[in-house]
Amino acid sequence: MNRTRKKRVGDDFDDSTPIANMNVDGMPWYVPSKNARPAAGPGPVQGDGIAPDQRPPMQPLSRRETWRMIITAVSAALLIAFIFLLGAFLFILFALHVWLK
């Protein structure tokens, strides 16, 4: 009697085919190669069509613009904090008058 081994699902799995390139710039195992494909993305030209090295330098913000940005950021943070505090207050009211009654 000649018994043949049944073929399992994982017997012919190819372990050498890369699924994703793990050679990432900045990682300790990074090895630069000449034939590596460029990373996905817009490349050297950004959305406005000007390469980063050809852009004029950014103008420094004026004192008024700086304060405007600070006030806008702080007001956005205070709005979010107010929403969280309102939610906590409503939860305490619910707990005292409905849940624990």
N, C-alpha and C. Protein backbone atom coordinates (compact mmCIF):
# COMPACT_ATOMS: atom_id res chain seq x y z
N MET A 1 0.83 -1.18 0.00
CA MET A 1 0.00 0.00 0.00
C MET A 1 0.88 1.24 0.00
N ASN A 2 0.63 2.04 -1.01
CA ASN A 2 1.39 3.26 -1.15
C ASN A 2 0.53 4.43 -0.68
N ARG A 3 0.90 4.95 0.46
CA ARG A 3 0.14 6.08 0.98
C ARG A 3 0.84 7.36 0.58
N THR A 4 0.11 8.24 -0.03
CA THR A 4 0.69 9.54 -0.37
C THR A 4 0.26 10.56 0.68
N ARG A 5 1.15 11.43 0.93
CA ARG A 5 0.87 12.47 1.92
C ARG A 5 -0.12 13.46 1.34
N LYS A 6 -1.13 13.82 2.12
CA LYS A 6 -2.10 14.81 1.66
C LYS A 6 -1.45 16.18 1.64
N LYS A 7 -1.76 16.92 0.64
CA LYS A 7 -1.20 18.26 0.49
C LYS A 7 -1.94 19.22 1.42
N ARG A 8 -1.18 19.91 2.21
CA ARG A 8 -1.78 20.89 3.11
C ARG A 8 -1.84 22.24 2.42
N VAL A 9 -2.59 23.14 3.01
CA VAL A 9 -2.79 24.45 2.41
C VAL A 9 -1.49 25.24 2.36
N GLY A 10 -0.67 25.17 3.38
CA GLY A 10 0.52 25.99 3.46
C GLY A 10 1.77 25.34 2.93
N ASP A 11 1.70 24.19 2.28
CA ASP A 11 2.90 23.50 1.83
C ASP A 11 3.66 24.25 0.74
N ASP A 12 2.96 24.87 -0.19
CA ASP A 12 3.65 25.53 -1.29
C ASP A 12 3.68 27.05 -1.13
N PHE A 13 3.65 27.50 0.11
CA PHE A 13 3.66 28.94 0.38
C PHE A 13 5.05 29.50 0.09
N ASP A 14 5.11 30.54 -0.70
CA ASP A 14 6.37 31.17 -1.06
C ASP A 14 6.75 32.18 0.02
N ASP A 15 7.79 31.87 0.78
CA ASP A 15 8.21 32.73 1.88
C ASP A 15 9.17 33.82 1.44
N SER A 16 9.67 33.77 0.21
CA SER A 16 10.68 34.73 -0.20
C SER A 16 10.10 35.94 -0.93
N THR A 17 8.82 35.95 -1.24
CA THR A 17 8.21 37.07 -1.94
C THR A 17 7.92 38.19 -0.95
N PRO A 18 8.46 39.39 -1.17
CA PRO A 18 8.19 40.48 -0.23
C PRO A 18 6.77 41.02 -0.42
N ILE A 19 6.07 41.18 0.67
CA ILE A 19 4.73 41.75 0.64
C ILE A 19 4.83 43.27 0.65
N ALA A 20 5.70 43.79 1.50
CA ALA A 20 5.92 45.23 1.58
C ALA A 20 7.41 45.47 1.81
N ASN A 21 7.93 46.51 1.21
CA ASN A 21 9.33 46.84 1.38
C ASN A 21 9.54 47.44 2.76
N MET A 22 10.28 46.75 3.60
CA MET A 22 10.52 47.21 4.96
C MET A 22 11.83 48.00 5.08
N ASN A 23 12.45 48.30 3.96
CA ASN A 23 13.68 49.08 3.94
C ASN A 23 13.30 50.56 3.96
N VAL A 24 13.00 51.07 5.16
CA VAL A 24 12.47 52.41 5.33
C VAL A 24 13.57 53.34 5.80
N ASP A 25 13.69 54.48 5.16
CA ASP A 25 14.70 55.47 5.53
C ASP A 25 14.48 55.92 6.96
N GLY A 26 15.53 55.89 7.76
CA GLY A 26 15.45 56.31 9.15
C GLY A 26 15.42 55.15 10.12
N MET A 27 15.14 53.94 9.65
CA MET A 27 15.14 52.76 10.52
C MET A 27 16.57 52.25 10.67
N PRO A 28 16.87 51.55 11.76
CA PRO A 28 18.24 51.08 11.97
C PRO A 28 18.70 50.09 10.90
N TRP A 29 17.80 49.36 10.28
CA TRP A 29 18.18 48.35 9.29
C TRP A 29 18.17 48.89 7.86
N TYR A 30 18.03 50.19 7.67
CA TYR A 30 17.92 50.77 6.34
C TYR A 30 19.23 50.59 5.56
N VAL A 31 19.10 50.07 4.34
CA VAL A 31 20.24 49.90 3.45
C VAL A 31 19.87 50.58 2.13
N PRO A 32 20.52 51.72 1.80
CA PRO A 32 20.18 52.39 0.55
C PRO A 32 20.63 51.55 -0.64
N SER A 33 19.81 51.49 -1.66
CA SER A 33 20.17 50.74 -2.86
C SER A 33 19.93 51.61 -4.08
N LYS A 34 20.67 51.29 -5.15
CA LYS A 34 20.57 52.10 -6.38
C LYS A 34 19.26 51.85 -7.12
N ASN A 35 18.76 50.63 -7.06
CA ASN A 35 17.56 50.30 -7.84
C ASN A 35 16.28 50.34 -7.01
N ALA A 36 16.31 51.01 -5.88
CA ALA A 36 15.11 51.10 -5.06
C ALA A 36 14.11 52.04 -5.71
N ARG A 37 12.85 51.68 -5.62
CA ARG A 37 11.79 52.52 -6.17
C ARG A 37 11.56 53.73 -5.27
N PRO A 38 11.21 54.88 -5.83
CA PRO A 38 10.95 56.04 -4.99
C PRO A 38 9.69 55.82 -4.16
N ALA A 39 9.64 56.48 -3.04
CA ALA A 39 8.48 56.36 -2.15
C ALA A 39 7.25 56.97 -2.81
N ALA A 40 6.10 56.43 -2.44
CA ALA A 40 4.85 56.96 -2.99
C ALA A 40 4.61 58.36 -2.43
N GLY A 41 4.00 59.18 -3.20
CA GLY A 41 3.72 60.53 -2.74
C GLY A 41 3.91 61.53 -3.86
N PRO A 42 3.78 62.79 -3.54
CA PRO A 42 3.85 63.80 -4.59
C PRO A 42 5.24 63.99 -5.17
N GLY A 43 6.28 63.55 -4.48
CA GLY A 43 7.62 63.70 -5.02
C GLY A 43 8.18 65.07 -4.73
N PRO A 44 9.14 65.52 -5.52
CA PRO A 44 9.79 66.78 -5.21
C PRO A 44 8.92 68.00 -5.47
N VAL A 45 7.89 67.87 -6.29
CA VAL A 45 7.03 69.01 -6.58
C VAL A 45 5.77 68.88 -5.74
N GLN A 46 5.47 69.92 -4.99
CA GLN A 46 4.31 69.91 -4.12
C GLN A 46 3.06 70.31 -4.90
N GLY A 47 1.94 70.47 -4.20
CA GLY A 47 0.66 70.75 -4.82
C GLY A 47 0.59 72.04 -5.61
N ASP A 48 1.39 73.04 -5.25
CA ASP A 48 1.32 74.30 -5.98
C ASP A 48 2.18 74.30 -7.23
N GLY A 49 2.90 73.21 -7.51
CA GLY A 49 3.67 73.10 -8.74
C GLY A 49 5.06 73.70 -8.66
N ILE A 50 5.48 74.12 -7.47
CA ILE A 50 6.80 74.71 -7.31
C ILE A 50 7.64 73.76 -6.47
N ALA A 51 8.82 73.44 -6.92
CA ALA A 51 9.71 72.58 -6.15
C ALA A 51 10.11 73.30 -4.86
N PRO A 52 10.34 72.54 -3.76
CA PRO A 52 10.66 73.19 -2.48
C PRO A 52 11.91 74.06 -2.52
N ASP A 53 12.90 73.70 -3.34
CA ASP A 53 14.11 74.51 -3.37
C ASP A 53 13.95 75.77 -4.22
N GLN A 54 12.86 75.91 -4.96
CA GLN A 54 12.63 77.07 -5.79
C GLN A 54 11.65 78.06 -5.18
N ARG A 55 11.11 77.74 -4.03
CA ARG A 55 10.15 78.63 -3.38
C ARG A 55 10.87 79.81 -2.74
N PRO A 56 10.21 80.96 -2.74
CA PRO A 56 10.81 82.09 -2.02
C PRO A 56 10.71 81.84 -0.52
N PRO A 57 11.62 82.41 0.26
CA PRO A 57 11.56 82.18 1.71
C PRO A 57 10.28 82.79 2.29
N MET A 58 9.77 82.15 3.34
CA MET A 58 8.54 82.65 3.97
C MET A 58 8.81 83.95 4.68
N GLN A 59 7.84 84.84 4.60
CA GLN A 59 7.94 86.12 5.30
C GLN A 59 7.63 85.88 6.78
N PRO A 60 8.35 86.51 7.69
CA PRO A 60 8.03 86.34 9.11
C PRO A 60 6.66 86.98 9.40
N LEU A 61 5.97 86.40 10.36
CA LEU A 61 4.66 86.93 10.73
C LEU A 61 4.81 88.25 11.48
N SER A 62 3.86 89.12 11.27
CA SER A 62 3.87 90.38 12.01
C SER A 62 3.38 90.11 13.44
N ARG A 63 3.54 91.09 14.30
CA ARG A 63 3.11 90.93 15.68
C ARG A 63 1.60 90.70 15.76
N ARG A 64 0.85 91.40 14.91
CA ARG A 64 -0.61 91.26 14.91
C ARG A 64 -1.03 89.87 14.44
N GLU A 65 -0.37 89.36 13.39
CA GLU A 65 -0.70 88.02 12.89
C GLU A 65 -0.36 86.94 13.92
N THR A 66 0.76 87.13 14.62
CA THR A 66 1.16 86.17 15.65
C THR A 66 0.12 86.12 16.77
N TRP A 67 -0.28 87.29 17.26
CA TRP A 67 -1.28 87.32 18.33
C TRP A 67 -2.62 86.77 17.85
N ARG A 68 -2.96 87.03 16.59
CA ARG A 68 -4.21 86.51 16.05
C ARG A 68 -4.21 84.97 16.04
N MET A 69 -3.07 84.40 15.66
CA MET A 69 -2.96 82.93 15.66
C MET A 69 -3.03 82.38 17.08
N ILE A 70 -2.38 83.04 18.03
CA ILE A 70 -2.40 82.59 19.43
C ILE A 70 -3.81 82.64 19.97
N ILE A 71 -4.51 83.75 19.74
CA ILE A 71 -5.88 83.91 20.25
C ILE A 71 -6.81 82.88 19.62
N THR A 72 -6.65 82.63 18.33
CA THR A 72 -7.50 81.64 17.67
C THR A 72 -7.26 80.25 18.23
N ALA A 73 -5.99 79.87 18.44
CA ALA A 73 -5.67 78.55 18.98
C ALA A 73 -6.19 78.38 20.40
N VAL A 74 -6.01 79.41 21.23
CA VAL A 74 -6.47 79.33 22.61
C VAL A 74 -8.00 79.28 22.67
N SER A 75 -8.67 80.05 21.83
CA SER A 75 -10.14 80.01 21.84
C SER A 75 -10.65 78.65 21.36
N ALA A 76 -9.99 78.03 20.41
CA ALA A 76 -10.40 76.69 19.97
C ALA A 76 -10.22 75.68 21.10
N ALA A 77 -9.11 75.78 21.83
CA ALA A 77 -8.87 74.87 22.95
C ALA A 77 -9.89 75.11 24.07
N LEU A 78 -10.22 76.37 24.33
CA LEU A 78 -11.21 76.66 25.37
C LEU A 78 -12.60 76.16 24.97
N LEU A 79 -12.93 76.25 23.70
CA LEU A 79 -14.22 75.73 23.23
C LEU A 79 -14.31 74.22 23.46
N ILE A 80 -13.26 73.51 23.14
CA ILE A 80 -13.25 72.06 23.36
C ILE A 80 -13.33 71.74 24.84
N ALA A 81 -12.59 72.48 25.67
CA ALA A 81 -12.64 72.26 27.12
C ALA A 81 -14.04 72.55 27.66
N PHE A 82 -14.68 73.59 27.15
CA PHE A 82 -16.05 73.91 27.58
C PHE A 82 -17.01 72.78 27.22
N ILE A 83 -16.86 72.23 26.06
CA ILE A 83 -17.74 71.12 25.64
C ILE A 83 -17.55 69.91 26.56
N PHE A 84 -16.30 69.59 26.91
CA PHE A 84 -16.06 68.48 27.83
C PHE A 84 -16.63 68.78 29.22
N LEU A 85 -16.44 70.00 29.72
CA LEU A 85 -16.99 70.35 31.03
C LEU A 85 -18.52 70.31 31.02
N LEU A 86 -19.13 70.76 29.94
CA LEU A 86 -20.59 70.70 29.83
C LEU A 86 -21.06 69.25 29.83
N GLY A 87 -20.36 68.39 29.13
CA GLY A 87 -20.72 66.96 29.13
C GLY A 87 -20.58 66.35 30.51
N ALA A 88 -19.52 66.68 31.24
CA ALA A 88 -19.34 66.17 32.59
C ALA A 88 -20.44 66.68 33.52
N PHE A 89 -20.79 67.96 33.39
CA PHE A 89 -21.85 68.54 34.21
C PHE A 89 -23.19 67.86 33.92
N LEU A 90 -23.49 67.65 32.65
CA LEU A 90 -24.75 66.97 32.30
C LEU A 90 -24.76 65.53 32.80
N PHE A 91 -23.62 64.85 32.77
CA PHE A 91 -23.56 63.48 33.28
C PHE A 91 -23.81 63.46 34.78
N ILE A 92 -23.23 64.43 35.51
CA ILE A 92 -23.45 64.48 36.96
C ILE A 92 -24.92 64.75 37.26
N LEU A 93 -25.53 65.67 36.51
CA LEU A 93 -26.97 65.93 36.71
C LEU A 93 -27.79 64.68 36.43
N PHE A 94 -27.47 63.98 35.35
CA PHE A 94 -28.18 62.75 35.01
C PHE A 94 -28.00 61.71 36.11
N ALA A 95 -26.78 61.56 36.59
CA ALA A 95 -26.52 60.56 37.62
C ALA A 95 -27.26 60.88 38.91
N LEU A 96 -27.31 62.14 39.30
CA LEU A 96 -27.95 62.50 40.56
C LEU A 96 -29.47 62.45 40.49
N HIS A 97 -30.05 62.90 39.37
CA HIS A 97 -31.50 63.04 39.33
C HIS A 97 -32.23 61.88 38.66
N VAL A 98 -31.54 61.06 37.88
CA VAL A 98 -32.23 59.97 37.18
C VAL A 98 -31.67 58.62 37.60
N TRP A 99 -30.39 58.46 37.51
CA TRP A 99 -29.77 57.16 37.69
C TRP A 99 -29.77 56.74 39.16
N LEU A 100 -29.36 57.61 40.05
CA LEU A 100 -29.22 57.25 41.47
C LEU A 100 -30.42 57.62 42.32
N LYS A 101 -31.54 57.91 41.73
CA LYS A 101 -32.72 58.31 42.48
C LYS A 101 -33.46 57.12 43.04
